[in-house]
Amino acid sequence: MKRILIADDHETVRSGLRALLEGHVGWEVVAEAHDGNEAVAGAVEKRPDVAIVDYSMPFMTGVEVARRIREHQLPTEILIFTMHDSNALALQACARAFLLKSDANKMLLAAVESLIVHRPFYAGSFSSELKRMTTRKGDQNQVLSPREKTIVKLVAEGYSNKGVSAMLNLSIKTTETHRAAAMRKLNIHSTAGLVRYAVRSKLVEA
């Protein structure tokens, strides 16, 4: 049996996914989670083959959940489940599949099948976005200071300003100043833009 974890803060979504997945012979949903903390704990306890993780959950994002699962060196493959295709930025957390919730009925089984054999799955607009990010050359690294590069990298890995400050032993105000300076130099105006830059410039692994 292939073991699957579902993490989404909406019970109706979890129920629908469970019904769809358990209709496939040889698959079993071994854990459900309604927030990021439960998702990580469930993955550590159950060691599923695949974790389907909502991008937006209480306590931590799907990106952070994926990063935490990787820190535990689990064999679990991760699918980021999201409402918005702009969240292709989740790739930097080592998730190897992305799926819009609106595509679940027609693509979820194919995505899980790919992950079970350790193949990535990027469909539709995600495929186009990832291709754009990986083919475009990053040429702005040199304008950032070492501290700014480090902060951009940590932001791209899912850390909040508070988390970055704790890791680097900086005040939150100092972190915010460095982050704002990096965004100004790069002419970037959102966290999603910072993450795309970090992936494109290989500050984080795709």
N, C-alpha and C. Protein backbone atom coordinates (compact mmCIF):
# COMPACT_ATOMS: atom_id res chain seq x y z
N MET A 1 0.84 -1.20 0.00
CA MET A 1 0.00 0.00 0.00
C MET A 1 0.87 1.24 0.00
N LYS A 2 0.51 2.23 -0.82
CA LYS A 2 1.18 3.51 -0.81
C LYS A 2 0.46 4.43 0.16
N ARG A 3 1.24 5.06 1.03
CA ARG A 3 0.69 5.83 2.14
C ARG A 3 0.70 7.31 1.82
N ILE A 4 -0.43 7.98 2.09
CA ILE A 4 -0.60 9.38 1.71
C ILE A 4 -1.07 10.19 2.91
N LEU A 5 -0.52 11.40 3.04
CA LEU A 5 -0.97 12.38 4.04
C LEU A 5 -1.65 13.53 3.31
N ILE A 6 -2.75 14.01 3.88
CA ILE A 6 -3.46 15.17 3.33
C ILE A 6 -3.44 16.28 4.37
N ALA A 7 -2.99 17.47 3.98
CA ALA A 7 -2.97 18.62 4.89
C ALA A 7 -3.70 19.79 4.24
N ASP A 8 -4.84 20.14 4.81
CA ASP A 8 -5.64 21.27 4.33
C ASP A 8 -6.52 21.72 5.48
N ASP A 9 -6.70 23.03 5.62
CA ASP A 9 -7.45 23.52 6.77
C ASP A 9 -8.97 23.45 6.57
N HIS A 10 -9.42 22.94 5.43
CA HIS A 10 -10.86 22.79 5.19
C HIS A 10 -11.23 21.30 5.18
N GLU A 11 -12.11 20.93 6.09
CA GLU A 11 -12.49 19.52 6.22
C GLU A 11 -13.12 18.98 4.95
N THR A 12 -13.92 19.82 4.28
CA THR A 12 -14.58 19.35 3.05
C THR A 12 -13.56 19.03 1.96
N VAL A 13 -12.50 19.83 1.89
CA VAL A 13 -11.45 19.56 0.91
C VAL A 13 -10.75 18.25 1.24
N ARG A 14 -10.41 18.06 2.52
CA ARG A 14 -9.74 16.81 2.92
C ARG A 14 -10.61 15.60 2.62
N SER A 15 -11.90 15.71 2.90
CA SER A 15 -12.81 14.59 2.66
C SER A 15 -12.89 14.25 1.18
N GLY A 16 -12.95 15.30 0.33
CA GLY A 16 -13.01 15.07 -1.10
C GLY A 16 -11.75 14.43 -1.63
N LEU A 17 -10.61 14.89 -1.14
CA LEU A 17 -9.34 14.31 -1.57
C LEU A 17 -9.22 12.86 -1.11
N ARG A 18 -9.63 12.60 0.14
CA ARG A 18 -9.54 11.23 0.66
C ARG A 18 -10.37 10.29 -0.21
N ALA A 19 -11.60 10.70 -0.54
CA ALA A 19 -12.46 9.85 -1.35
C ALA A 19 -11.84 9.58 -2.72
N LEU A 20 -11.26 10.62 -3.31
CA LEU A 20 -10.65 10.47 -4.63
C LEU A 20 -9.43 9.54 -4.57
N LEU A 21 -8.60 9.73 -3.56
CA LEU A 21 -7.36 8.95 -3.45
C LEU A 21 -7.62 7.50 -3.07
N GLU A 22 -8.52 7.28 -2.13
CA GLU A 22 -8.75 5.93 -1.66
C GLU A 22 -9.60 5.12 -2.64
N GLY A 23 -10.09 5.78 -3.70
CA GLY A 23 -10.73 5.05 -4.78
C GLY A 23 -9.73 4.39 -5.69
N HIS A 24 -8.45 4.72 -5.49
CA HIS A 24 -7.37 4.12 -6.28
C HIS A 24 -6.84 2.89 -5.55
N VAL A 25 -6.83 1.76 -6.23
CA VAL A 25 -6.36 0.51 -5.61
C VAL A 25 -4.90 0.65 -5.18
N GLY A 26 -4.63 0.27 -3.94
CA GLY A 26 -3.26 0.27 -3.45
C GLY A 26 -2.82 1.55 -2.77
N TRP A 27 -3.74 2.52 -2.63
CA TRP A 27 -3.41 3.77 -1.95
C TRP A 27 -4.22 3.87 -0.66
N GLU A 28 -3.59 4.43 0.38
CA GLU A 28 -4.25 4.58 1.68
C GLU A 28 -3.89 5.95 2.27
N VAL A 29 -4.89 6.69 2.69
CA VAL A 29 -4.66 7.96 3.41
C VAL A 29 -4.41 7.61 4.86
N VAL A 30 -3.18 7.81 5.33
CA VAL A 30 -2.81 7.38 6.68
C VAL A 30 -2.85 8.52 7.69
N ALA A 31 -2.99 9.76 7.21
CA ALA A 31 -3.04 10.89 8.14
C ALA A 31 -3.68 12.09 7.46
N GLU A 32 -4.36 12.89 8.27
CA GLU A 32 -4.90 14.17 7.84
C GLU A 32 -4.44 15.25 8.80
N ALA A 33 -4.30 16.46 8.29
CA ALA A 33 -3.87 17.58 9.13
C ALA A 33 -4.63 18.82 8.71
N HIS A 34 -4.97 19.67 9.69
CA HIS A 34 -5.69 20.90 9.35
C HIS A 34 -4.82 22.14 9.53
N ASP A 35 -3.55 21.96 9.93
CA ASP A 35 -2.65 23.11 9.99
C ASP A 35 -1.21 22.62 9.76
N GLY A 36 -0.30 23.57 9.66
CA GLY A 36 1.07 23.22 9.34
C GLY A 36 1.75 22.37 10.39
N ASN A 37 1.50 22.67 11.66
CA ASN A 37 2.12 21.88 12.73
C ASN A 37 1.69 20.42 12.67
N GLU A 38 0.38 20.20 12.47
CA GLU A 38 -0.12 18.83 12.38
C GLU A 38 0.44 18.12 11.15
N ALA A 39 0.63 18.86 10.07
CA ALA A 39 1.17 18.25 8.85
C ALA A 39 2.57 17.72 9.08
N VAL A 40 3.41 18.52 9.71
CA VAL A 40 4.78 18.08 9.97
C VAL A 40 4.79 16.91 10.95
N ALA A 41 4.01 17.01 12.01
CA ALA A 41 3.95 15.93 13.01
C ALA A 41 3.44 14.64 12.37
N GLY A 42 2.42 14.75 11.52
CA GLY A 42 1.88 13.57 10.86
C GLY A 42 2.88 12.92 9.92
N ALA A 43 3.64 13.75 9.22
CA ALA A 43 4.65 13.21 8.31
C ALA A 43 5.75 12.48 9.08
N VAL A 44 6.17 13.06 10.20
CA VAL A 44 7.22 12.43 11.01
C VAL A 44 6.73 11.11 11.59
N GLU A 45 5.48 11.09 12.06
CA GLU A 45 4.95 9.87 12.69
C GLU A 45 4.63 8.78 11.67
N LYS A 46 3.98 9.16 10.57
CA LYS A 46 3.47 8.16 9.63
C LYS A 46 4.42 7.87 8.47
N ARG A 47 5.35 8.77 8.20
CA ARG A 47 6.31 8.60 7.10
C ARG A 47 5.62 8.19 5.80
N PRO A 48 4.69 9.03 5.33
CA PRO A 48 3.95 8.68 4.11
C PRO A 48 4.83 8.72 2.88
N ASP A 49 4.39 8.03 1.84
CA ASP A 49 5.09 8.10 0.56
C ASP A 49 4.89 9.46 -0.09
N VAL A 50 3.68 10.02 0.07
CA VAL A 50 3.33 11.30 -0.55
C VAL A 50 2.57 12.15 0.47
N ALA A 51 2.91 13.43 0.53
CA ALA A 51 2.14 14.39 1.33
C ALA A 51 1.55 15.43 0.40
N ILE A 52 0.24 15.59 0.46
CA ILE A 52 -0.46 16.63 -0.31
C ILE A 52 -0.71 17.78 0.65
N VAL A 53 -0.06 18.91 0.40
CA VAL A 53 -0.02 20.00 1.38
C VAL A 53 -0.59 21.27 0.78
N ASP A 54 -1.62 21.82 1.42
CA ASP A 54 -2.19 23.10 0.99
C ASP A 54 -1.16 24.20 1.17
N TYR A 55 -1.10 25.12 0.22
CA TYR A 55 -0.14 26.22 0.33
C TYR A 55 -0.47 27.14 1.51
N SER A 56 -1.75 27.42 1.74
CA SER A 56 -2.15 28.37 2.78
C SER A 56 -2.82 27.63 3.93
N MET A 57 -2.10 27.55 5.06
CA MET A 57 -2.64 26.89 6.25
C MET A 57 -2.27 27.69 7.49
N PRO A 58 -2.98 27.47 8.60
CA PRO A 58 -2.59 28.12 9.86
C PRO A 58 -1.20 27.69 10.31
N PHE A 59 -0.52 28.59 10.98
CA PHE A 59 0.78 28.38 11.64
C PHE A 59 1.97 28.38 10.68
N MET A 60 1.86 27.79 9.52
CA MET A 60 2.95 27.84 8.56
C MET A 60 2.41 27.55 7.17
N THR A 61 3.09 28.06 6.17
CA THR A 61 2.67 27.82 4.79
C THR A 61 3.07 26.41 4.35
N GLY A 62 2.54 26.01 3.21
CA GLY A 62 2.95 24.74 2.64
C GLY A 62 4.43 24.70 2.34
N VAL A 63 4.99 25.86 1.98
CA VAL A 63 6.43 25.96 1.74
C VAL A 63 7.21 25.60 3.00
N GLU A 64 6.79 26.16 4.13
CA GLU A 64 7.47 25.88 5.38
C GLU A 64 7.29 24.42 5.80
N VAL A 65 6.09 23.88 5.58
CA VAL A 65 5.85 22.47 5.88
C VAL A 65 6.81 21.58 5.07
N ALA A 66 6.92 21.88 3.79
CA ALA A 66 7.81 21.10 2.93
C ALA A 66 9.25 21.19 3.43
N ARG A 67 9.67 22.39 3.80
CA ARG A 67 11.04 22.57 4.29
C ARG A 67 11.27 21.78 5.58
N ARG A 68 10.29 21.80 6.48
CA ARG A 68 10.43 21.06 7.75
C ARG A 68 10.49 19.55 7.50
N ILE A 69 9.67 19.07 6.58
CA ILE A 69 9.71 17.64 6.26
C ILE A 69 11.08 17.26 5.71
N ARG A 70 11.65 18.12 4.87
CA ARG A 70 12.99 17.86 4.33
C ARG A 70 14.03 17.85 5.45
N GLU A 71 13.86 18.72 6.44
CA GLU A 71 14.82 18.77 7.55
C GLU A 71 14.83 17.44 8.32
N HIS A 72 13.70 16.75 8.36
CA HIS A 72 13.63 15.46 9.06
C HIS A 72 14.14 14.32 8.19
N GLN A 73 14.57 14.63 6.98
CA GLN A 73 15.14 13.65 6.05
C GLN A 73 14.18 12.48 5.83
N LEU A 74 12.92 12.80 5.65
CA LEU A 74 11.91 11.78 5.38
C LEU A 74 11.90 11.44 3.89
N PRO A 75 11.46 10.24 3.55
CA PRO A 75 11.41 9.84 2.14
C PRO A 75 10.18 10.39 1.43
N THR A 76 9.41 11.19 2.09
CA THR A 76 8.12 11.67 1.58
C THR A 76 8.29 12.63 0.40
N GLU A 77 7.55 12.35 -0.67
CA GLU A 77 7.45 13.29 -1.78
C GLU A 77 6.31 14.26 -1.48
N ILE A 78 6.44 15.51 -1.91
CA ILE A 78 5.49 16.54 -1.52
C ILE A 78 4.82 17.17 -2.73
N LEU A 79 3.50 17.27 -2.65
CA LEU A 79 2.71 17.98 -3.65
C LEU A 79 2.12 19.22 -2.99
N ILE A 80 2.43 20.38 -3.54
CA ILE A 80 1.85 21.62 -3.03
C ILE A 80 0.52 21.85 -3.76
N PHE A 81 -0.53 22.04 -2.98
CA PHE A 81 -1.89 22.17 -3.48
C PHE A 81 -2.31 23.62 -3.24
N THR A 82 -2.69 24.35 -4.27
CA THR A 82 -2.89 25.78 -4.11
C THR A 82 -4.04 26.31 -4.95
N MET A 83 -4.55 27.45 -4.55
CA MET A 83 -5.61 28.12 -5.31
C MET A 83 -5.04 28.95 -6.44
N HIS A 84 -3.76 29.34 -6.34
CA HIS A 84 -3.21 30.34 -7.26
C HIS A 84 -1.93 29.85 -7.93
N ASP A 85 -1.85 30.00 -9.24
CA ASP A 85 -0.67 29.52 -9.95
C ASP A 85 0.58 30.33 -9.63
N SER A 86 0.41 31.53 -9.05
CA SER A 86 1.59 32.32 -8.68
C SER A 86 2.39 31.64 -7.59
N ASN A 87 1.79 30.65 -6.94
CA ASN A 87 2.50 29.95 -5.87
C ASN A 87 3.45 28.89 -6.38
N ALA A 88 3.82 28.95 -7.64
CA ALA A 88 4.88 28.09 -8.14
C ALA A 88 6.17 28.35 -7.38
N LEU A 89 6.23 29.47 -6.67
CA LEU A 89 7.38 29.78 -5.82
C LEU A 89 7.64 28.67 -4.81
N ALA A 90 6.67 27.80 -4.55
CA ALA A 90 6.87 26.73 -3.58
C ALA A 90 7.94 25.74 -4.00
N LEU A 91 8.35 25.76 -5.25
CA LEU A 91 9.36 24.81 -5.72
C LEU A 91 10.65 24.91 -4.91
N GLN A 92 10.97 26.09 -4.37
CA GLN A 92 12.23 26.25 -3.67
C GLN A 92 12.25 25.45 -2.37
N ALA A 93 11.11 24.93 -1.93
CA ALA A 93 11.07 24.12 -0.72
C ALA A 93 11.26 22.64 -1.01
N CYS A 94 11.64 22.31 -2.22
CA CYS A 94 11.90 20.93 -2.63
C CYS A 94 10.64 20.13 -2.85
N ALA A 95 9.50 20.79 -2.97
CA ALA A 95 8.32 20.08 -3.42
C ALA A 95 8.51 19.77 -4.90
N ARG A 96 8.10 18.58 -5.32
CA ARG A 96 8.35 18.18 -6.70
C ARG A 96 7.08 18.11 -7.53
N ALA A 97 5.97 18.57 -6.95
CA ALA A 97 4.73 18.61 -7.72
C ALA A 97 3.88 19.78 -7.23
N PHE A 98 3.15 20.38 -8.16
CA PHE A 98 2.29 21.52 -7.86
C PHE A 98 0.98 21.32 -8.59
N LEU A 99 -0.11 21.64 -7.94
CA LEU A 99 -1.41 21.43 -8.56
C LEU A 99 -2.39 22.48 -8.07
N LEU A 100 -3.11 23.08 -9.01
CA LEU A 100 -4.18 23.99 -8.65
C LEU A 100 -5.36 23.18 -8.11
N LYS A 101 -6.02 23.70 -7.09
CA LYS A 101 -7.17 23.00 -6.53
C LYS A 101 -8.25 22.80 -7.60
N SER A 102 -8.36 23.73 -8.51
CA SER A 102 -9.37 23.62 -9.56
C SER A 102 -9.07 22.47 -10.52
N ASP A 103 -7.83 21.97 -10.51
CA ASP A 103 -7.44 20.87 -11.40
C ASP A 103 -7.42 19.51 -10.71
N ALA A 104 -7.83 19.48 -9.44
CA ALA A 104 -7.67 18.26 -8.65
C ALA A 104 -8.39 17.06 -9.27
N ASN A 105 -9.63 17.25 -9.68
CA ASN A 105 -10.40 16.11 -10.18
C ASN A 105 -9.76 15.44 -11.39
N LYS A 106 -9.12 16.23 -12.25
CA LYS A 106 -8.58 15.65 -13.48
C LYS A 106 -7.09 15.35 -13.41
N MET A 107 -6.37 15.91 -12.43
CA MET A 107 -4.92 15.75 -12.43
C MET A 107 -4.33 15.17 -11.15
N LEU A 108 -5.09 15.12 -10.06
CA LEU A 108 -4.51 14.70 -8.79
C LEU A 108 -3.94 13.29 -8.85
N LEU A 109 -4.67 12.35 -9.40
CA LEU A 109 -4.19 10.97 -9.44
C LEU A 109 -2.91 10.86 -10.25
N ALA A 110 -2.85 11.58 -11.36
CA ALA A 110 -1.63 11.55 -12.18
C ALA A 110 -0.46 12.15 -11.43
N ALA A 111 -0.72 13.22 -10.67
CA ALA A 111 0.36 13.85 -9.90
C ALA A 111 0.89 12.90 -8.83
N VAL A 112 0.00 12.24 -8.11
CA VAL A 112 0.43 11.31 -7.06
C VAL A 112 1.16 10.12 -7.68
N GLU A 113 0.65 9.61 -8.79
CA GLU A 113 1.34 8.50 -9.47
C GLU A 113 2.77 8.87 -9.84
N SER A 114 2.97 10.11 -10.33
CA SER A 114 4.32 10.56 -10.66
C SER A 114 5.21 10.61 -9.44
N LEU A 115 4.69 11.14 -8.34
CA LEU A 115 5.49 11.25 -7.13
C LEU A 115 5.85 9.89 -6.55
N ILE A 116 4.95 8.95 -6.65
CA ILE A 116 5.21 7.61 -6.11
C ILE A 116 6.43 6.98 -6.76
N VAL A 117 6.65 7.30 -8.04
CA VAL A 117 7.85 6.77 -8.73
C VAL A 117 8.95 7.84 -8.78
N HIS A 118 8.80 8.88 -7.93
CA HIS A 118 9.82 9.91 -7.74
C HIS A 118 10.08 10.73 -9.01
N ARG A 119 8.98 11.01 -9.73
CA ARG A 119 9.07 11.92 -10.87
C ARG A 119 8.33 13.21 -10.55
N PRO A 120 8.85 14.36 -10.95
CA PRO A 120 8.14 15.62 -10.70
C PRO A 120 6.88 15.72 -11.55
N PHE A 121 5.97 16.56 -11.12
CA PHE A 121 4.73 16.77 -11.86
C PHE A 121 4.40 18.26 -11.84
N TYR A 122 4.53 18.90 -12.98
CA TYR A 122 4.18 20.31 -13.13
C TYR A 122 3.23 20.40 -14.32
N ALA A 123 2.04 20.93 -14.10
CA ALA A 123 1.06 20.97 -15.18
C ALA A 123 0.59 22.39 -15.44
N GLY A 124 0.11 22.61 -16.65
CA GLY A 124 -0.53 23.87 -17.01
C GLY A 124 0.35 25.07 -16.79
N SER A 125 -0.21 26.07 -16.10
CA SER A 125 0.50 27.34 -15.90
C SER A 125 1.76 27.15 -15.06
N PHE A 126 1.77 26.15 -14.17
CA PHE A 126 2.98 25.90 -13.38
C PHE A 126 4.14 25.53 -14.29
N SER A 127 3.86 24.69 -15.28
CA SER A 127 4.91 24.27 -16.20
C SER A 127 5.52 25.47 -16.92
N SER A 128 4.68 26.38 -17.37
CA SER A 128 5.16 27.57 -18.06
C SER A 128 5.98 28.47 -17.15
N GLU A 129 5.51 28.64 -15.91
CA GLU A 129 6.20 29.50 -14.96
C GLU A 129 7.57 28.92 -14.59
N LEU A 130 7.62 27.62 -14.34
CA LEU A 130 8.89 27.00 -13.97
C LEU A 130 9.89 27.05 -15.12
N LYS A 131 9.40 26.86 -16.32
CA LYS A 131 10.28 26.94 -17.48
C LYS A 131 10.85 28.35 -17.61
N ARG A 132 9.99 29.34 -17.40
CA ARG A 132 10.45 30.73 -17.49
C ARG A 132 11.51 31.03 -16.45
N MET A 133 11.31 30.53 -15.23
CA MET A 133 12.24 30.82 -14.15
C MET A 133 13.57 30.11 -14.32
N THR A 134 13.52 28.88 -14.84
CA THR A 134 14.77 28.13 -14.94
C THR A 134 15.58 28.45 -16.19
N THR A 135 14.94 29.03 -17.20
CA THR A 135 15.68 29.36 -18.41
C THR A 135 16.22 30.79 -18.39
N ARG A 136 15.58 31.64 -17.61
CA ARG A 136 16.04 33.02 -17.54
C ARG A 136 17.26 33.11 -16.65
N LYS A 137 18.29 33.83 -17.06
CA LYS A 137 19.52 33.93 -16.29
C LYS A 137 19.42 35.04 -15.25
N GLY A 138 19.87 34.70 -14.03
CA GLY A 138 19.93 35.73 -13.01
C GLY A 138 21.21 36.53 -13.17
N ASP A 139 21.06 37.84 -13.25
CA ASP A 139 22.24 38.68 -13.50
C ASP A 139 22.37 39.81 -12.49
N GLN A 140 21.66 39.68 -11.33
CA GLN A 140 21.65 40.79 -10.39
C GLN A 140 22.27 40.44 -9.04
N ASN A 141 22.78 39.21 -8.88
CA ASN A 141 23.34 38.82 -7.59
C ASN A 141 24.39 39.79 -7.09
N GLN A 142 25.20 40.30 -8.04
CA GLN A 142 26.34 41.11 -7.64
C GLN A 142 25.94 42.42 -6.99
N VAL A 143 24.68 42.86 -7.16
CA VAL A 143 24.29 44.14 -6.57
C VAL A 143 23.90 43.99 -5.11
N LEU A 144 23.74 42.79 -4.63
CA LEU A 144 23.34 42.57 -3.24
C LEU A 144 24.56 42.36 -2.36
N SER A 145 24.47 42.86 -1.15
CA SER A 145 25.53 42.60 -0.18
C SER A 145 25.39 41.16 0.32
N PRO A 146 26.44 40.58 0.92
CA PRO A 146 26.33 39.22 1.46
C PRO A 146 25.17 39.07 2.44
N ARG A 147 24.96 40.06 3.29
CA ARG A 147 23.85 39.98 4.25
C ARG A 147 22.51 39.99 3.53
N GLU A 148 22.37 40.85 2.50
CA GLU A 148 21.13 40.91 1.75
C GLU A 148 20.85 39.60 1.03
N LYS A 149 21.90 38.99 0.45
CA LYS A 149 21.72 37.70 -0.22
C LYS A 149 21.23 36.64 0.76
N THR A 150 21.82 36.63 1.97
CA THR A 150 21.42 35.65 2.97
C THR A 150 19.96 35.83 3.35
N ILE A 151 19.55 37.07 3.54
CA ILE A 151 18.17 37.34 3.93
C ILE A 151 17.20 36.97 2.81
N VAL A 152 17.54 37.30 1.58
CA VAL A 152 16.69 36.91 0.45
C VAL A 152 16.56 35.39 0.38
N LYS A 153 17.67 34.69 0.58
CA LYS A 153 17.65 33.23 0.55
C LYS A 153 16.71 32.67 1.63
N LEU A 154 16.80 33.19 2.83
CA LEU A 154 15.97 32.69 3.92
C LEU A 154 14.50 33.02 3.69
N VAL A 155 14.22 34.20 3.17
CA VAL A 155 12.84 34.55 2.83
C VAL A 155 12.30 33.57 1.80
N ALA A 156 13.12 33.24 0.80
CA ALA A 156 12.71 32.31 -0.25
C ALA A 156 12.49 30.90 0.30
N GLU A 157 13.12 30.58 1.40
CA GLU A 157 12.95 29.26 2.03
C GLU A 157 11.74 29.22 2.96
N GLY A 158 11.02 30.35 3.04
CA GLY A 158 9.78 30.36 3.80
C GLY A 158 9.84 31.01 5.17
N TYR A 159 10.98 31.57 5.55
CA TYR A 159 11.09 32.20 6.86
C TYR A 159 10.44 33.58 6.87
N SER A 160 9.80 33.92 7.97
CA SER A 160 9.27 35.26 8.18
C SER A 160 10.40 36.19 8.61
N ASN A 161 10.13 37.49 8.67
CA ASN A 161 11.14 38.43 9.17
C ASN A 161 11.59 38.06 10.58
N LYS A 162 10.64 37.61 11.40
CA LYS A 162 10.97 37.21 12.76
C LYS A 162 11.89 36.00 12.75
N GLY A 163 11.58 35.02 11.89
CA GLY A 163 12.41 33.83 11.80
C GLY A 163 13.80 34.13 11.30
N VAL A 164 13.91 34.99 10.28
CA VAL A 164 15.22 35.40 9.76
C VAL A 164 16.03 36.09 10.85
N SER A 165 15.37 36.97 11.59
CA SER A 165 16.06 37.71 12.66
C SER A 165 16.62 36.76 13.71
N ALA A 166 15.83 35.74 14.08
CA ALA A 166 16.28 34.79 15.08
C ALA A 166 17.48 33.99 14.57
N MET A 167 17.44 33.57 13.31
CA MET A 167 18.53 32.77 12.76
C MET A 167 19.82 33.56 12.65
N LEU A 168 19.71 34.84 12.30
CA LEU A 168 20.90 35.66 12.06
C LEU A 168 21.28 36.52 13.26
N ASN A 169 20.50 36.39 14.34
CA ASN A 169 20.75 37.18 15.55
C ASN A 169 20.71 38.68 15.25
N LEU A 170 19.69 39.07 14.52
CA LEU A 170 19.48 40.48 14.17
C LEU A 170 18.17 40.96 14.78
N SER A 171 18.04 42.25 14.93
CA SER A 171 16.74 42.80 15.32
C SER A 171 15.81 42.71 14.12
N ILE A 172 14.52 42.66 14.39
CA ILE A 172 13.55 42.60 13.29
C ILE A 172 13.67 43.85 12.42
N LYS A 173 13.92 44.99 13.03
CA LYS A 173 14.06 46.23 12.27
C LYS A 173 15.24 46.15 11.30
N THR A 174 16.37 45.58 11.77
CA THR A 174 17.54 45.44 10.90
C THR A 174 17.25 44.50 9.74
N THR A 175 16.57 43.39 10.04
CA THR A 175 16.19 42.45 8.98
C THR A 175 15.30 43.14 7.96
N GLU A 176 14.32 43.88 8.44
CA GLU A 176 13.40 44.57 7.53
C GLU A 176 14.14 45.59 6.66
N THR A 177 15.14 46.25 7.24
CA THR A 177 15.92 47.24 6.49
C THR A 177 16.71 46.57 5.38
N HIS A 178 17.37 45.45 5.69
CA HIS A 178 18.14 44.72 4.67
C HIS A 178 17.22 44.16 3.58
N ARG A 179 16.09 43.64 4.00
CA ARG A 179 15.14 43.08 3.03
C ARG A 179 14.61 44.18 2.10
N ALA A 180 14.25 45.31 2.67
CA ALA A 180 13.76 46.42 1.86
C ALA A 180 14.83 46.91 0.89
N ALA A 181 16.08 46.95 1.35
CA ALA A 181 17.18 47.40 0.48
C ALA A 181 17.37 46.45 -0.69
N ALA A 182 17.29 45.13 -0.41
CA ALA A 182 17.43 44.14 -1.48
C ALA A 182 16.31 44.28 -2.49
N MET A 183 15.10 44.45 -2.02
CA MET A 183 13.96 44.58 -2.94
C MET A 183 14.07 45.85 -3.77
N ARG A 184 14.57 46.90 -3.16
CA ARG A 184 14.73 48.16 -3.90
C ARG A 184 15.79 48.01 -4.98
N LYS A 185 16.91 47.38 -4.65
CA LYS A 185 17.98 47.19 -5.63
C LYS A 185 17.51 46.32 -6.80
N LEU A 186 16.70 45.32 -6.50
CA LEU A 186 16.26 44.38 -7.52
C LEU A 186 14.99 44.83 -8.23
N ASN A 187 14.42 45.93 -7.76
CA ASN A 187 13.15 46.41 -8.31
C ASN A 187 12.07 45.33 -8.20
N ILE A 188 12.01 44.73 -7.03
CA ILE A 188 11.03 43.68 -6.72
C ILE A 188 10.10 44.21 -5.65
N HIS A 189 8.80 43.89 -5.78
CA HIS A 189 7.82 44.51 -4.90
C HIS A 189 6.97 43.53 -4.11
N SER A 190 7.34 42.26 -4.10
CA SER A 190 6.54 41.27 -3.36
C SER A 190 7.43 40.11 -2.92
N THR A 191 6.95 39.37 -1.93
CA THR A 191 7.67 38.17 -1.49
C THR A 191 7.76 37.15 -2.62
N ALA A 192 6.67 36.99 -3.37
CA ALA A 192 6.69 36.05 -4.49
C ALA A 192 7.78 36.42 -5.49
N GLY A 193 7.94 37.72 -5.73
CA GLY A 193 8.99 38.18 -6.64
C GLY A 193 10.38 37.86 -6.10
N LEU A 194 10.56 38.02 -4.80
CA LEU A 194 11.85 37.68 -4.18
C LEU A 194 12.15 36.20 -4.34
N VAL A 195 11.13 35.36 -4.16
CA VAL A 195 11.35 33.92 -4.27
C VAL A 195 11.70 33.54 -5.70
N ARG A 196 10.99 34.11 -6.67
CA ARG A 196 11.31 33.82 -8.06
C ARG A 196 12.74 34.24 -8.39
N TYR A 197 13.14 35.40 -7.87
CA TYR A 197 14.52 35.85 -8.09
C TYR A 197 15.51 34.88 -7.47
N ALA A 198 15.22 34.42 -6.24
CA ALA A 198 16.14 33.52 -5.54
C ALA A 198 16.31 32.20 -6.29
N VAL A 199 15.21 31.69 -6.83
CA VAL A 199 15.28 30.44 -7.59
C VAL A 199 16.06 30.66 -8.89
N ARG A 200 15.71 31.73 -9.59
CA ARG A 200 16.36 32.03 -10.87
C ARG A 200 17.85 32.24 -10.69
N SER A 201 18.23 32.85 -9.59
CA SER A 201 19.64 33.18 -9.34
C SER A 201 20.37 32.08 -8.58
N LYS A 202 19.64 30.96 -8.33
CA LYS A 202 20.24 29.79 -7.68
C LYS A 202 20.69 30.08 -6.25
N LEU A 203 20.02 31.02 -5.58
CA LEU A 203 20.26 31.20 -4.16
C LEU A 203 19.59 30.06 -3.38
N VAL A 204 18.55 29.48 -3.97
CA VAL A 204 17.92 28.29 -3.42
C VAL A 204 17.82 27.26 -4.53
N GLU A 205 17.70 26.00 -4.13
CA GLU A 205 17.64 24.92 -5.10
C GLU A 205 16.24 24.77 -5.66
N ALA A 206 16.14 24.56 -6.96
CA ALA A 206 14.83 24.29 -7.58
C ALA A 206 14.48 22.82 -7.42
